[in-house]
C-alpha atoms as a PDB file:
ATOM      1  CA  MET A   1      66.964  29.652  54.541  1.00  0.00           C
ATOM      2  CA  LYS A   2      64.639  26.852  53.502  1.00  0.00           C
ATOM      3  CA  ASP A   3      61.018  26.297  54.485  1.00  0.00           C
ATOM      4  CA  LYS A   4      61.791  23.516  56.993  1.00  0.00           C
ATOM      5  CA  GLU A   5      64.400  25.614  58.752  1.00  0.00           C
ATOM      6  CA  PHE A   6      61.978  28.552  58.959  1.00  0.00           C
ATOM      7  CA  SER A   7      59.386  26.299  60.557  1.00  0.00           C
ATOM      8  CA  ALA A   8      61.950  24.875  62.995  1.00  0.00           C
ATOM      9  CA  VAL A   9      63.044  28.355  64.042  1.00  0.00           C
ATOM     10  CA  ARG A  10      59.434  29.462  64.594  1.00  0.00           C
ATOM     11  CA  LYS A  11      58.859  26.433  66.798  1.00  0.00           C
ATOM     12  CA  ARG A  12      62.082  27.064  68.752  1.00  0.00           C
ATOM     13  CA  LEU A  13      60.835  30.583  69.367  1.00  0.00           C
ATOM     14  CA  GLU A  14      57.573  29.035  70.602  1.00  0.00           C
ATOM     15  CA  LYS A  15      55.462  31.215  68.322  1.00  0.00           C
ATOM     16  CA  THR A  16      52.301  30.457  66.410  1.00  0.00           C
ATOM     17  CA  GLN A  17      52.123  31.489  62.773  1.00  0.00           C
ATOM     18  CA  LYS A  18      50.001  34.464  63.819  1.00  0.00           C
ATOM     19  CA  GLN A  19      52.486  35.525  66.504  1.00  0.00           C
ATOM     20  CA  MET A  20      55.378  35.133  64.056  1.00  0.00           C
ATOM     21  CA  ALA A  21      53.573  37.280  61.501  1.00  0.00           C
ATOM     22  CA  GLN A  22      53.115  40.007  64.121  1.00  0.00           C
ATOM     23  CA  LEU A  23      56.719  39.725  65.252  1.00  0.00           C
ATOM     24  CA  LEU A  24      58.054  39.997  61.689  1.00  0.00           C
ATOM     25  CA  GLY A  25      55.553  42.643  60.589  1.00  0.00           C
ATOM     26  CA  THR A  26      54.084  40.491  57.841  1.00  0.00           C
ATOM     27  CA  SER A  27      50.897  38.545  57.133  1.00  0.00           C
ATOM     28  CA  ILE A  28      49.917  35.100  58.360  1.00  0.00           C
ATOM     29  CA  LYS A  29      49.588  34.143  54.700  1.00  0.00           C
ATOM     30  CA  ALA A  30      53.263  35.051  54.164  1.00  0.00           C
ATOM     31  CA  ILE A  31      54.310  32.896  57.122  1.00  0.00           C
ATOM     32  CA  HIS A  32      52.254  29.994  55.809  1.00  0.00           C
ATOM     33  CA  SER A  33      53.779  30.459  52.345  1.00  0.00           C
ATOM     34  CA  TYR A  34      57.317  30.444  53.768  1.00  0.00           C
ATOM     35  CA  GLU A  35      56.671  27.221  55.668  1.00  0.00           C
ATOM     36  CA  GLN A  36      55.060  25.508  52.688  1.00  0.00           C
ATOM     37  CA  GLY A  37      57.900  26.526  50.380  1.00  0.00           C
ATOM     38  CA  TRP A  38      55.560  28.509  48.149  1.00  0.00           C
ATOM     39  CA  ARG A  39      57.401  31.763  48.737  1.00  0.00           C
ATOM     40  CA  THR A  40      61.106  32.473  49.083  1.00  0.00           C
ATOM     41  CA  ILE A  41      62.036  33.687  52.549  1.00  0.00           C
ATOM     42  CA  PRO A  42      63.362  37.243  52.201  1.00  0.00           C
ATOM     43  CA  VAL A  43      66.829  37.922  53.561  1.00  0.00           C
ATOM     44  CA  HIS A  44      65.552  40.485  56.066  1.00  0.00           C
ATOM     45  CA  VAL A  45      63.204  37.856  57.524  1.00  0.00           C
ATOM     46  CA  GLU A  46      65.978  35.244  57.713  1.00  0.00           C
ATOM     47  CA  ARG A  47      68.265  37.725  59.385  1.00  0.00           C
ATOM     48  CA  GLN A  48      65.653  38.744  61.944  1.00  0.00           C
ATOM     49  CA  LEU A  49      64.817  35.120  62.784  1.00  0.00           C
ATOM     50  CA  TYR A  50      68.427  34.291  63.575  1.00  0.00           C
ATOM     51  CA  PHE A  51      68.720  37.466  65.629  1.00  0.00           C
ATOM     52  CA  LEU A  52      65.601  36.602  67.627  1.00  0.00           C
ATOM     53  CA  LEU A  53      67.004  33.142  68.328  1.00  0.00           C
ATOM     54  CA  THR A  54      70.170  34.590  69.803  1.00  0.00           C
ATOM     55  CA  ARG A  55      68.176  36.952  72.002  1.00  0.00           C
ATOM     56  CA  LYS A  56      65.882  34.134  73.152  1.00  0.00           C
ATOM     57  CA  TRP A  57      68.997  32.390  74.484  1.00  0.00           C
ATOM     58  CA  GLY A  58      70.135  35.580  76.186  1.00  0.00           C
ATOM     59  CA  GLY A  59      72.957  36.078  73.714  1.00  0.00           C
ATOM     60  CA  LYS A  60      74.909  33.277  75.348  1.00  0.00           C
ATOM     61  CA  ASN A  61      75.818  30.652  72.793  1.00  0.00           C
ATOM     62  CA  GLY A  62      79.151  29.708  74.359  1.00  0.00           C
ATOM     63  CA  VAL A  63      81.177  30.842  71.364  1.00  0.00           C
ATOM     64  CA  LYS A  64      84.306  32.957  71.422  1.00  0.00           C
ATOM     65  CA  PRO A  65      84.102  36.271  69.560  1.00  0.00           C
ATOM     66  CA  CYS A  66      84.557  35.915  65.808  1.00  0.00           C
ATOM     67  CA  TRP A  67      87.885  37.764  65.801  1.00  0.00           C
ATOM     68  CA  ASP A  68      89.313  35.160  68.193  1.00  0.00           C
ATOM     69  CA  THR A  69      87.686  32.204  66.445  1.00  0.00           C
ATOM     70  CA  ARG A  70      88.959  33.335  63.055  1.00  0.00           C
ATOM     71  CA  THR A  71      92.239  34.755  64.456  1.00  0.00           C
ATOM     72  CA  CYS A  72      91.862  38.052  62.649  1.00  0.00           C
ATOM     73  CA  PRO A  73      94.961  40.261  62.555  1.00  0.00           C
ATOM     74  CA  PRO A  74      94.713  43.514  64.574  1.00  0.00           C
ATOM     75  CA  GLU A  75      94.617  45.760  61.490  1.00  0.00           C
ATOM     76  CA  GLN A  76      91.652  43.786  60.122  1.00  0.00           C
ATOM     77  CA  ARG A  77      89.836  43.831  63.473  1.00  0.00           C
ATOM     78  CA  GLU A  78      90.082  47.592  63.747  1.00  0.00           C
ATOM     79  CA  GLN A  79      88.332  48.022  60.394  1.00  0.00           C
ATOM     80  CA  CYS A  80      85.564  45.503  61.095  1.00  0.00           C
ATOM     81  CA  PRO A  81      82.149  46.597  62.430  1.00  0.00           C
ATOM     82  CA  ALA A  82      81.865  43.416  64.547  1.00  0.00           C
ATOM     83  CA  TRP A  83      84.956  44.546  66.496  1.00  0.00           C
ATOM     84  CA  GLU A  84      83.904  48.190  66.589  1.00  0.00           C
ATOM     85  CA  PHE A  85      80.506  47.369  68.101  1.00  0.00           C
ATOM     86  CA  SER A  86      81.709  44.430  70.270  1.00  0.00           C
ATOM     87  CA  THR A  87      79.390  41.959  68.565  1.00  0.00           C
ATOM     88  CA  GLY A  88      81.663  38.990  68.101  1.00  0.00           C
ATOM     89  CA  ASP A  89      78.750  36.573  68.530  1.00  0.00           C
ATOM     90  CA  LEU A  90      76.550  38.515  66.088  1.00  0.00           C
ATOM     91  CA  CYS A  91      79.117  39.110  63.342  1.00  0.00           C
ATOM     92  CA  TRP A  92      76.880  37.225  60.891  1.00  0.00           C
ATOM     93  CA  PHE A  93      74.088  39.752  61.594  1.00  0.00           C
ATOM     94  CA  ILE A  94      76.135  42.827  60.729  1.00  0.00           C
ATOM     95  CA  ASN A  95      76.776  43.928  57.176  1.00  0.00           C
ATOM     96  CA  GLY A  96      80.247  45.114  56.259  1.00  0.00           C
ATOM     97  CA  THR A  97      82.202  42.646  58.380  1.00  0.00           C
ATOM     98  CA  ILE A  98      85.623  41.744  57.060  1.00  0.00           C
ATOM     99  CA  CYS A  99      85.773  37.980  56.771  1.00  0.00           C
ATOM    100  CA  ASP A 100      88.432  36.233  54.721  1.00  0.00           C
ATOM    101  CA  GLY A 101      90.032  39.654  54.288  1.00  0.00           C
ATOM    102  CA  MET A 102      87.136  41.287  52.440  1.00  0.00           C
ATOM    103  CA  VAL A 103      83.697  42.807  52.855  1.00  0.00           C
ATOM    104  CA  HIS A 104      81.022  40.769  51.125  1.00  0.00           C
ATOM    105  CA  GLY A 105      78.639  42.611  48.829  1.00  0.00           C
ATOM    106  CA  SER A 106      75.369  40.844  49.557  1.00  0.00           C
ATOM    107  CA  TRP A 107      73.638  38.959  52.340  1.00  0.00           C
ATOM    108  CA  LYS A 108      73.592  35.790  50.226  1.00  0.00           C
ATOM    109  CA  GLU A 109      77.336  36.027  49.601  1.00  0.00           C
ATOM    110  CA  LYS A 110      78.018  36.794  53.267  1.00  0.00           C
ATOM    111  CA  MET A 111      75.833  33.930  54.517  1.00  0.00           C
ATOM    112  CA  LYS A 112      77.583  31.456  52.235  1.00  0.00           C
ATOM    113  CA  LEU A 113      80.762  32.162  54.185  1.00  0.00           C
ATOM    114  CA  CYS A 114      78.985  32.471  57.555  1.00  0.00           C
ATOM    115  CA  ARG A 115      77.459  28.999  57.223  1.00  0.00           C
ATOM    116  CA  THR A 116      81.020  27.584  57.211  1.00  0.00           C
ATOM    117  CA  CYS A 117      82.073  29.578  60.303  1.00  0.00           C
ATOM    118  CA  ASP A 118      82.037  28.203  63.863  1.00  0.00           C
ATOM    119  CA  VAL A 119      80.475  31.413  65.193  1.00  0.00           C
ATOM    120  CA  PHE A 120      77.377  31.052  63.028  1.00  0.00           C
ATOM    121  CA  LYS A 121      77.318  27.251  63.308  1.00  0.00           C
ATOM    122  CA  ALA A 122      76.789  27.708  67.047  1.00  0.00           C
ATOM    123  CA  THR A 123      73.599  29.647  66.271  1.00  0.00           C
ATOM    124  CA  LEU A 124      72.390  26.938  63.890  1.00  0.00           C
ATOM    125  CA  ALA A 125      73.258  24.213  66.394  1.00  0.00           C
ATOM    126  CA  LYS A 126      70.839  25.782  68.862  1.00  0.00           C
ATOM    127  CA  ILE A 127      68.017  25.202  66.376  1.00  0.00           C
ATOM    128  CA  ASP A 128      68.750  21.482  66.384  1.00  0.00           C
ATOM    129  CA  ASP A 129      69.616  21.169  70.090  1.00  0.00           C
ATOM    130  CA  GLU A 130      66.360  22.375  71.581  1.00  0.00           C
END
């Protein structure tokens, strides 16, 4: 996540920098640094921001569950945590999902794939739509 996207998400959540700091359990200085591009946005912060966006919209982003969107075979579905916990719209949030037939080792690696997926693109589109 880049500084401009962080700022856009904060604004979509209708939070001040102070409120965002409280929500994320960090300092106002950290929030300011993220938005200015002085500090890299940690993966746990990025992840929480996207999660908060989906909850702000009531979890309704109009997207089919990931296993339907990606037409995952039944044997792959049964091993995937997104299927197990019925979180087909939050698959990008959960570690250990089986996308492209494998579990990805890091958040960065996982998000590289997620950013090409229609399920996650629907979350990003909400940032731009509002």
